[in-house]
């Protein structure tokens, strides 16, 4: 199962949405105030969009499909939170149209985490 998931992660990285590509530009290479992020990272058995492992902060981007999978998202969030992660969720259009607001919210959350 893990190998299958690793291949799935690789596929996700290669087929990123426009919003994921846009946000990744600002998060990669420690561009957000020196914080290191990973994208499409495996937190077994789930794949998260972006994660700062040092601060245990996950950033998830949601498109229209997420409105139909609320139960799955809730189960997934409970699992990740039980393992010490905090989760921020943004709609794709927020990332694309209000980038500075999104980045400020991410940075504020990073500062709050010891």
C-alpha atoms as a PDB file:
ATOM      1  CA  UNK A   1       0.000   0.000   0.000  1.00  0.00           C
ATOM      2  CA  UNK A   2       2.784   2.475   0.851  1.00  0.00           C
ATOM      3  CA  UNK A   3       4.412   2.031  -2.568  1.00  0.00           C
ATOM      4  CA  UNK A   4       1.092   2.628  -4.269  1.00  0.00           C
ATOM      5  CA  UNK A   5       0.650   5.766  -2.165  1.00  0.00           C
ATOM      6  CA  UNK A   6       4.146   7.018  -3.057  1.00  0.00           C
ATOM      7  CA  UNK A   7       3.298   6.662  -6.732  1.00  0.00           C
ATOM      8  CA  UNK A   8       0.026   8.497  -6.122  1.00  0.00           C
ATOM      9  CA  UNK A   9       1.916  11.340  -4.404  1.00  0.00           C
ATOM     10  CA  UNK A  10       4.253  11.605  -7.382  1.00  0.00           C
ATOM     11  CA  UNK A  11       1.263  11.770  -9.708  1.00  0.00           C
ATOM     12  CA  UNK A  12      -0.348  14.503  -7.589  1.00  0.00           C
ATOM     13  CA  UNK A  13       2.828  16.586  -7.726  1.00  0.00           C
ATOM     14  CA  UNK A  14       2.940  16.284 -11.493  1.00  0.00           C
ATOM     15  CA  UNK A  15      -0.734  17.238 -11.879  1.00  0.00           C
ATOM     16  CA  UNK A  16      -1.017  20.174  -9.475  1.00  0.00           C
ATOM     17  CA  UNK A  17      -3.939  22.563  -9.785  1.00  0.00           C
ATOM     18  CA  UNK A  18      -3.366  26.202 -10.720  1.00  0.00           C
ATOM     19  CA  UNK A  19      -4.000  27.218  -7.099  1.00  0.00           C
ATOM     20  CA  UNK A  20      -1.480  24.648  -5.809  1.00  0.00           C
ATOM     21  CA  UNK A  21       1.160  25.844  -8.275  1.00  0.00           C
ATOM     22  CA  UNK A  22       0.485  29.452  -7.315  1.00  0.00           C
ATOM     23  CA  UNK A  23       0.746  28.871  -3.571  1.00  0.00           C
ATOM     24  CA  UNK A  24       3.764  26.598  -3.971  1.00  0.00           C
ATOM     25  CA  UNK A  25       5.636  29.460  -5.621  1.00  0.00           C
ATOM     26  CA  UNK A  26       5.350  31.389  -2.329  1.00  0.00           C
ATOM     27  CA  UNK A  27       5.966  28.461   0.044  1.00  0.00           C
ATOM     28  CA  UNK A  28       8.826  26.644  -1.683  1.00  0.00           C
ATOM     29  CA  UNK A  29      12.492  27.167  -0.913  1.00  0.00           C
ATOM     30  CA  UNK A  30      11.710  28.748   2.484  1.00  0.00           C
ATOM     31  CA  UNK A  31      10.244  31.829   0.769  1.00  0.00           C
ATOM     32  CA  UNK A  32       7.692  32.366   3.536  1.00  0.00           C
ATOM     33  CA  UNK A  33       9.866  33.935   6.245  1.00  0.00           C
ATOM     34  CA  UNK A  34      12.277  30.991   6.239  1.00  0.00           C
ATOM     35  CA  UNK A  35       9.741  28.238   6.955  1.00  0.00           C
ATOM     36  CA  UNK A  36      10.270  24.994   5.051  1.00  0.00           C
ATOM     37  CA  UNK A  37       7.223  23.440   3.409  1.00  0.00           C
ATOM     38  CA  UNK A  38       6.700  20.189   1.565  1.00  0.00           C
ATOM     39  CA  UNK A  39       3.968  19.699  -1.016  1.00  0.00           C
ATOM     40  CA  UNK A  40       1.809  16.656  -1.641  1.00  0.00           C
ATOM     41  CA  UNK A  41       3.399  15.093   1.408  1.00  0.00           C
ATOM     42  CA  UNK A  42       2.454  11.677   2.710  1.00  0.00           C
ATOM     43  CA  UNK A  43       1.181  11.638   6.295  1.00  0.00           C
ATOM     44  CA  UNK A  44       0.259   7.993   6.072  1.00  0.00           C
ATOM     45  CA  UNK A  45      -2.362   7.025   5.086  1.00  0.00           C
ATOM     46  CA  UNK A  46      -3.243  10.518   3.822  1.00  0.00           C
ATOM     47  CA  UNK A  47      -1.618  12.931   1.392  1.00  0.00           C
ATOM     48  CA  UNK A  48      -1.679  16.587   2.437  1.00  0.00           C
ATOM     49  CA  UNK A  49      -1.345  19.495   0.031  1.00  0.00           C
ATOM     50  CA  UNK A  50       1.336  21.407   1.969  1.00  0.00           C
ATOM     51  CA  UNK A  51       2.953  20.860   5.347  1.00  0.00           C
ATOM     52  CA  UNK A  52       5.493  22.626   7.511  1.00  0.00           C
ATOM     53  CA  UNK A  53       6.813  19.676   9.518  1.00  0.00           C
ATOM     54  CA  UNK A  54       8.739  21.849  11.971  1.00  0.00           C
ATOM     55  CA  UNK A  55       5.492  23.522  13.059  1.00  0.00           C
ATOM     56  CA  UNK A  56       3.147  20.577  12.335  1.00  0.00           C
ATOM     57  CA  UNK A  57       0.988  22.873  10.176  1.00  0.00           C
ATOM     58  CA  UNK A  58      -0.926  21.533   7.186  1.00  0.00           C
ATOM     59  CA  UNK A  59      -2.328  23.807   4.487  1.00  0.00           C
ATOM     60  CA  UNK A  60      -5.116  22.333   2.386  1.00  0.00           C
ATOM     61  CA  UNK A  61      -6.608  23.818  -0.768  1.00  0.00           C
ATOM     62  CA  UNK A  62     -10.173  23.026  -1.683  1.00  0.00           C
ATOM     63  CA  UNK A  63     -11.897  23.172  -5.020  1.00  0.00           C
ATOM     64  CA  UNK A  64     -15.555  22.521  -5.749  1.00  0.00           C
ATOM     65  CA  UNK A  65     -15.240  18.752  -5.198  1.00  0.00           C
ATOM     66  CA  UNK A  66     -14.669  19.223  -1.464  1.00  0.00           C
ATOM     67  CA  UNK A  67     -18.236  20.344  -0.889  1.00  0.00           C
ATOM     68  CA  UNK A  68     -19.296  16.780  -1.743  1.00  0.00           C
ATOM     69  CA  UNK A  69     -16.804  14.970   0.495  1.00  0.00           C
ATOM     70  CA  UNK A  70     -17.351  16.634   3.871  1.00  0.00           C
ATOM     71  CA  UNK A  71     -17.538  13.340   5.797  1.00  0.00           C
ATOM     72  CA  UNK A  72     -14.196  12.153   4.376  1.00  0.00           C
ATOM     73  CA  UNK A  73     -12.549  15.528   5.064  1.00  0.00           C
ATOM     74  CA  UNK A  74     -13.814  15.488   8.668  1.00  0.00           C
ATOM     75  CA  UNK A  75     -12.491  11.958   9.301  1.00  0.00           C
ATOM     76  CA  UNK A  76      -9.170  12.886   7.734  1.00  0.00           C
ATOM     77  CA  UNK A  77      -8.906  16.107   9.780  1.00  0.00           C
ATOM     78  CA  UNK A  78      -9.613  14.265  13.040  1.00  0.00           C
ATOM     79  CA  UNK A  79      -6.880  11.737  12.251  1.00  0.00           C
ATOM     80  CA  UNK A  80      -4.317  14.434  11.418  1.00  0.00           C
ATOM     81  CA  UNK A  81      -5.208  16.539  14.460  1.00  0.00           C
ATOM     82  CA  UNK A  82      -4.931  13.463  16.690  1.00  0.00           C
ATOM     83  CA  UNK A  83      -1.364  13.133  15.407  1.00  0.00           C
ATOM     84  CA  UNK A  84      -0.513  16.712  16.403  1.00  0.00           C
ATOM     85  CA  UNK A  85      -1.145  18.621  13.186  1.00  0.00           C
ATOM     86  CA  UNK A  86      -3.047  21.882  12.830  1.00  0.00           C
ATOM     87  CA  UNK A  87      -4.904  22.395   9.570  1.00  0.00           C
ATOM     88  CA  UNK A  88      -5.649  25.534   7.577  1.00  0.00           C
ATOM     89  CA  UNK A  89      -8.092  25.260   4.672  1.00  0.00           C
ATOM     90  CA  UNK A  90      -8.461  27.702   1.803  1.00  0.00           C
ATOM     91  CA  UNK A  91     -10.623  27.686  -1.295  1.00  0.00           C
ATOM     92  CA  UNK A  92      -8.728  27.727  -4.585  1.00  0.00           C
ATOM     93  CA  UNK A  93     -10.200  31.095  -5.526  1.00  0.00           C
ATOM     94  CA  UNK A  94      -8.912  32.595  -2.246  1.00  0.00           C
ATOM     95  CA  UNK A  95      -5.380  31.498  -3.074  1.00  0.00           C
ATOM     96  CA  UNK A  96      -5.586  32.877  -6.594  1.00  0.00           C
ATOM     97  CA  UNK A  97      -7.404  36.150  -5.813  1.00  0.00           C
ATOM     98  CA  UNK A  98      -6.332  36.959  -2.243  1.00  0.00           C
ATOM     99  CA  UNK A  99      -2.802  35.568  -2.082  1.00  0.00           C
ATOM    100  CA  UNK A 100      -1.472  38.088   0.444  1.00  0.00           C
ATOM    101  CA  UNK A 101      -4.363  37.394   2.851  1.00  0.00           C
ATOM    102  CA  UNK A 102      -3.732  33.642   2.590  1.00  0.00           C
ATOM    103  CA  UNK A 103       0.019  34.029   3.130  1.00  0.00           C
ATOM    104  CA  UNK A 104      -0.556  36.300   6.127  1.00  0.00           C
ATOM    105  CA  UNK A 105      -2.919  33.769   7.690  1.00  0.00           C
ATOM    106  CA  UNK A 106      -0.408  30.966   7.150  1.00  0.00           C
ATOM    107  CA  UNK A 107       2.395  33.050   8.643  1.00  0.00           C
ATOM    108  CA  UNK A 108       0.264  34.036  11.649  1.00  0.00           C
ATOM    109  CA  UNK A 109      -0.504  30.362  12.298  1.00  0.00           C
ATOM    110  CA  UNK A 110       3.168  29.442  12.035  1.00  0.00           C
ATOM    111  CA  UNK A 111       4.110  32.089  14.607  1.00  0.00           C
ATOM    112  CA  UNK A 112       1.450  30.805  17.033  1.00  0.00           C
ATOM    113  CA  UNK A 113       2.880  27.287  16.983  1.00  0.00           C
ATOM    114  CA  UNK A 114       5.736  27.033  19.491  1.00  0.00           C
END
